[in-house]
Protein backbone atom coordinates (compact mmCIF):
# COMPACT_ATOMS: atom_id res chain seq x y z
CA MET A 1 -0.08 -0.08 -0.31
CA ILE A 2 1.26 3.30 -0.78
CA ARG A 3 0.76 6.08 1.48
CA LEU A 4 0.10 9.21 -0.66
CA ALA A 5 -0.42 12.66 1.18
CA VAL A 6 -2.40 15.31 -0.56
CA SER A 7 -1.83 19.06 0.34
CA VAL A 8 -5.08 20.65 -0.28
CA GLU A 9 -6.08 24.31 0.82
CA GLY A 10 -9.22 23.97 2.56
CA ARG A 11 -11.85 22.30 4.12
CA THR A 12 -13.72 21.09 0.49
CA GLU A 13 -10.52 19.88 -0.59
CA GLU A 14 -10.07 17.75 2.26
CA GLU A 15 -13.65 16.39 2.36
CA PHE A 16 -13.37 15.47 -1.33
CA VAL A 17 -10.05 13.61 -1.19
CA LYS A 18 -10.87 11.68 2.32
CA ASP A 19 -14.62 11.20 0.78
CA VAL A 20 -14.66 10.64 -2.53
CA LEU A 21 -11.06 9.93 -3.86
CA ALA A 22 -10.03 7.59 -1.14
CA ALA A 23 -12.69 4.96 -1.76
CA SER A 24 -11.32 5.06 -5.49
CA LEU A 25 -7.91 4.67 -5.00
CA ARG A 26 -7.38 2.38 -2.52
CA PRO A 27 -8.62 -1.12 -4.26
CA MET A 28 -5.27 0.28 -6.22
CA GLN A 29 -3.37 0.10 -3.07
CA VAL A 30 -2.91 3.82 -2.39
CA ALA A 31 -4.00 5.32 0.94
CA LEU A 32 -4.90 8.77 0.82
CA THR A 33 -4.29 11.24 3.50
CA PRO A 34 -5.47 15.06 2.78
CA VAL A 35 -3.30 17.36 4.90
CA LEU A 36 -4.68 21.06 5.03
CA ILE A 37 -1.86 23.34 3.91
CA GLY A 38 0.22 24.74 6.98
CA ARG A 39 -1.13 21.39 9.11
CA ALA A 40 2.34 20.04 8.19
CA TRP A 41 4.28 23.00 10.26
CA SER A 42 2.45 23.88 13.00
CA GLY A 43 -0.05 20.76 14.17
CA GLY A 44 -3.04 23.13 14.20
CA ALA A 45 -6.00 23.56 11.52
CA GLY A 46 -4.06 24.58 8.67
CA GLY A 47 -5.71 26.10 5.23
CA GLY A 48 -5.90 29.72 4.17
CA ALA A 49 -3.61 31.33 1.33
CA VAL A 50 -1.81 29.30 -0.61
CA GLY A 51 1.60 30.49 -2.63
CA VAL A 52 4.51 28.58 -4.39
CA GLU A 53 6.91 28.76 -0.99
CA ARG A 54 4.01 27.89 1.19
CA LEU A 55 2.97 25.14 -1.09
CA VAL A 56 6.46 23.60 -1.70
CA SER A 57 7.52 23.74 1.79
CA GLU A 58 4.68 22.07 2.50
CA MET A 59 5.32 19.43 -0.06
CA VAL A 60 8.45 18.64 1.10
CA ARG A 61 7.88 18.26 4.61
CA LEU A 62 5.18 15.85 4.01
CA HIS A 63 7.80 13.69 2.00
CA GLN A 64 9.43 13.02 5.04
CA SER A 65 6.59 10.66 6.50
CA PHE A 66 4.65 9.57 2.97
CA ASP A 67 5.90 7.41 0.54
CA ALA A 68 4.48 10.13 -2.02
CA VAL A 69 2.69 13.80 -2.01
CA THR A 70 0.88 15.45 -4.24
CA SER A 71 -1.49 18.74 -4.17
CA LEU A 72 -5.13 19.73 -4.85
CA VAL A 73 -5.75 23.69 -4.73
CA ASP A 74 -7.03 26.01 -6.99
CA PHE A 75 -5.48 28.08 -9.68
CA TYR A 76 -8.18 30.61 -8.84
CA GLY A 77 -6.65 32.68 -5.97
CA PHE A 78 -2.97 31.27 -6.51
CA ARG A 79 -1.32 34.25 -4.57
CA ASP A 80 1.72 34.73 -6.67
CA LYS A 81 0.95 32.72 -9.94
CA GLY A 82 1.32 36.15 -11.68
CA LYS A 83 0.68 35.71 -15.48
CA ARG A 84 1.84 32.06 -15.71
CA THR A 85 -0.67 29.14 -17.15
CA VAL A 86 -2.04 26.22 -15.16
CA ASP A 87 0.55 24.04 -16.90
CA ALA A 88 3.51 26.66 -16.25
CA LEU A 89 2.73 26.94 -12.41
CA GLU A 90 2.89 23.49 -11.97
CA GLU A 91 5.90 23.27 -13.66
CA HIS A 92 7.46 25.83 -11.79
CA LEU A 93 6.12 24.27 -8.63
CA ALA A 94 7.68 21.02 -9.68
CA GLN A 95 11.20 22.47 -10.63
CA GLU A 96 11.35 24.42 -7.12
CA ILE A 97 10.33 20.73 -5.05
CA GLU A 98 12.94 19.10 -7.18
CA THR A 99 15.57 21.75 -5.77
CA ARG A 100 15.05 20.49 -2.58
CA VAL A 101 13.92 16.39 -2.81
CA SER A 102 16.65 14.16 -3.73
CA ASP A 103 14.19 11.92 -5.64
CA ALA A 104 11.24 14.27 -6.64
CA ARG A 105 9.20 11.44 -8.89
CA ARG A 106 6.43 10.89 -6.14
CA VAL A 107 6.44 14.22 -5.08
CA PHE A 108 4.47 16.34 -7.76
CA PRO A 109 2.23 19.21 -7.61
CA TYR A 110 -1.35 19.39 -8.76
CA VAL A 111 -3.32 22.57 -9.25
CA GLN A 112 -6.77 22.56 -10.55
CA ARG A 113 -8.13 24.38 -13.43
CA HIS A 114 -9.21 27.11 -12.48
CA GLU A 115 -11.27 26.34 -9.47
CA PHE A 116 -12.93 22.82 -7.44
CA GLU A 117 -16.24 23.98 -8.29
CA GLY A 118 -15.57 23.62 -12.21
CA LEU A 119 -15.62 19.93 -11.64
CA LEU A 120 -19.28 20.09 -10.37
CA PHE A 121 -20.47 21.34 -13.65
CA SER A 122 -19.98 17.52 -15.24
CA ASP A 123 -23.60 17.13 -14.32
CA ALA A 124 -26.20 19.64 -13.07
CA THR A 125 -28.72 17.41 -11.74
CA ALA A 126 -26.33 16.35 -9.08
CA PHE A 127 -27.23 19.94 -7.40
CA ARG A 128 -30.88 18.41 -7.40
CA ALA A 129 -30.33 15.16 -5.95
CA VAL A 130 -27.88 17.16 -2.79
CA ALA A 131 -30.50 19.94 -2.32
CA HIS A 132 -32.87 17.28 -1.62
CA MET A 133 -30.71 15.73 0.96
CA THR A 134 -29.36 18.73 2.36
CA GLY A 135 -31.87 21.58 2.39
CA MET A 136 -29.68 23.14 -0.12
CA THR A 137 -31.59 25.68 -2.08
CA ASP A 138 -33.15 24.17 -5.04
CA PRO A 139 -31.30 24.81 -7.81
CA ASP A 140 -31.84 26.17 -11.26
CA ILE A 141 -30.54 22.96 -13.49
CA GLU A 142 -30.70 24.37 -16.79
CA ALA A 143 -28.90 27.73 -15.72
CA LEU A 144 -26.15 25.38 -14.24
CA ALA A 145 -26.35 23.09 -17.83
CA ALA A 146 -26.20 26.60 -19.74
CA VAL A 147 -23.12 27.34 -18.36
CA ARG A 148 -21.49 23.90 -19.00
CA ARG A 149 -22.73 24.18 -22.33
CA GLN A 150 -20.67 27.36 -23.16
CA PHE A 151 -17.19 25.65 -22.73
CA ALA A 152 -15.46 22.52 -23.96
CA THR A 153 -15.26 20.92 -20.90
CA PRO A 154 -16.17 21.79 -17.09
CA GLU A 155 -12.35 23.00 -16.49
CA ASP A 156 -12.52 25.80 -19.01
CA ILE A 157 -15.21 27.77 -17.17
CA ASN A 158 -12.95 31.08 -16.52
CA ASP A 159 -11.98 32.23 -13.39
CA ASP A 160 -12.18 35.85 -13.51
CA PRO A 161 -13.61 37.57 -10.38
CA ASP A 162 -17.12 37.57 -11.54
CA ASN A 163 -17.45 34.46 -13.12
CA ALA A 164 -15.36 32.01 -11.74
CA PRO A 165 -16.96 28.74 -11.12
CA SER A 166 -17.50 29.25 -7.52
CA LYS A 167 -19.12 32.72 -7.92
CA ARG A 168 -21.14 31.48 -10.70
CA ILE A 169 -22.85 28.59 -8.24
CA ALA A 170 -23.21 31.38 -5.55
CA ARG A 171 -25.57 33.19 -7.98
CA MET A 172 -27.86 30.52 -9.17
CA VAL A 173 -27.56 28.57 -5.99
CA PRO A 174 -27.73 31.14 -2.92
CA ARG A 175 -27.41 28.22 0.19
CA TYR A 176 -24.59 26.48 -1.75
CA ARG A 177 -21.94 26.12 1.23
CA LYS A 178 -18.97 24.65 -0.27
CA PRO A 179 -17.46 22.84 2.28
CA LEU A 180 -20.26 20.95 2.60
CA HIS A 181 -22.25 20.70 -0.71
CA GLY A 182 -19.39 20.52 -2.85
CA PRO A 183 -18.11 16.95 -2.09
CA LEU A 184 -21.55 15.75 -1.59
CA ILE A 185 -22.38 17.40 -5.25
CA ALA A 186 -19.28 15.58 -6.68
CA ARG A 187 -20.00 12.30 -4.89
CA ALA A 188 -23.62 12.42 -6.43
CA THR A 189 -22.04 13.08 -9.95
CA GLY A 190 -19.56 10.22 -9.70
CA LEU A 191 -15.80 10.23 -10.25
CA PRO A 192 -16.63 8.26 -13.63
CA THR A 193 -18.73 11.32 -15.25
CA ILE A 194 -15.96 14.19 -13.56
CA ARG A 195 -13.26 12.19 -15.17
CA ALA A 196 -15.16 12.03 -18.60
CA GLN A 197 -15.84 15.41 -18.49
CA CYS A 198 -12.51 16.88 -17.01
CA PRO A 199 -9.38 15.63 -19.08
CA ARG A 200 -6.71 17.48 -16.69
CA PHE A 201 -8.16 15.91 -13.70
CA ASP A 202 -8.71 12.93 -15.25
CA ALA A 203 -4.80 12.74 -15.92
CA TRP A 204 -4.15 13.65 -12.55
CA LEU A 205 -6.13 10.82 -11.11
CA THR A 206 -4.43 8.48 -13.63
CA ARG A 207 -1.31 9.56 -12.27
CA LEU A 208 -2.08 8.10 -8.78
CA GLU A 209 -3.72 5.41 -9.94
CA GLY A 210 -0.12 4.54 -11.16
CA LEU A 211 1.90 4.93 -7.73
CA ALA A 212 1.45 1.83 -6.79
CA ARG A 213 2.49 -0.05 -10.04
CA PRO A 214 6.54 -0.78 -10.60
CA ALA A 215 8.70 1.85 -12.02
C-alpha cells in the first residue's frame, strides 16, 4: 500500500479527498491522506492562502512521512501565480520541489484549473439530488447546464472575479456552502462522470492510480 499525502488548501478539498477520492484509490493500493496546508508545520487547523513557497515547503515536509505527495489547490486565487498559465505554474512548482528533494518523482504538484467548483458542472442534476438531501436551495438545473454548454469542458469555465465557477454557483444556488455541498455534489456526480468531462483532472487521477505499480 502506497501512503499518499494530498496537500489541500481548504476543508472542501479535504473532504473531497477523504470521502470521494480515497475510496476510489484504495483498491489500487493507494491510501490517501488529505493534509490542510499549514498543518504539517503547525499541527493546527491549517488552510488559507496558497502561494509557491508555502505549498512547496509543505509538500517537501510531507515527503518525510509519506511514500508520495501531491496537491489539490485551485488556480483561481493562487497568490503568486503572476501571469503563468496553470501548466506553467505546475512546472514552476515541480522545479522548486526538485531543488529540495533528492527523488522528486513521487512529489508532484497538481493545480486545479480553474477551481474545484468547476468539476461540479460535470452533471448539473447532481445539485438537485444534494438539495433534496440537505435542504440546499433548489437549483436552477437548466441555468447550471447552460453554463456548462458554453465551454469545451467544465475545467474551462473561466476564473475572473465575477465568473469563477464558485461565483456562478453562488448566484444560481444562494444557499450553496462549499465545504458541505461541494463534496456531496461531487459524490452524487460520480468520479467516472467527472473524469469523462474533465481531462486534466482525469490525467492527475491516472497518475495517482499508477503509484503502486512498479516503475
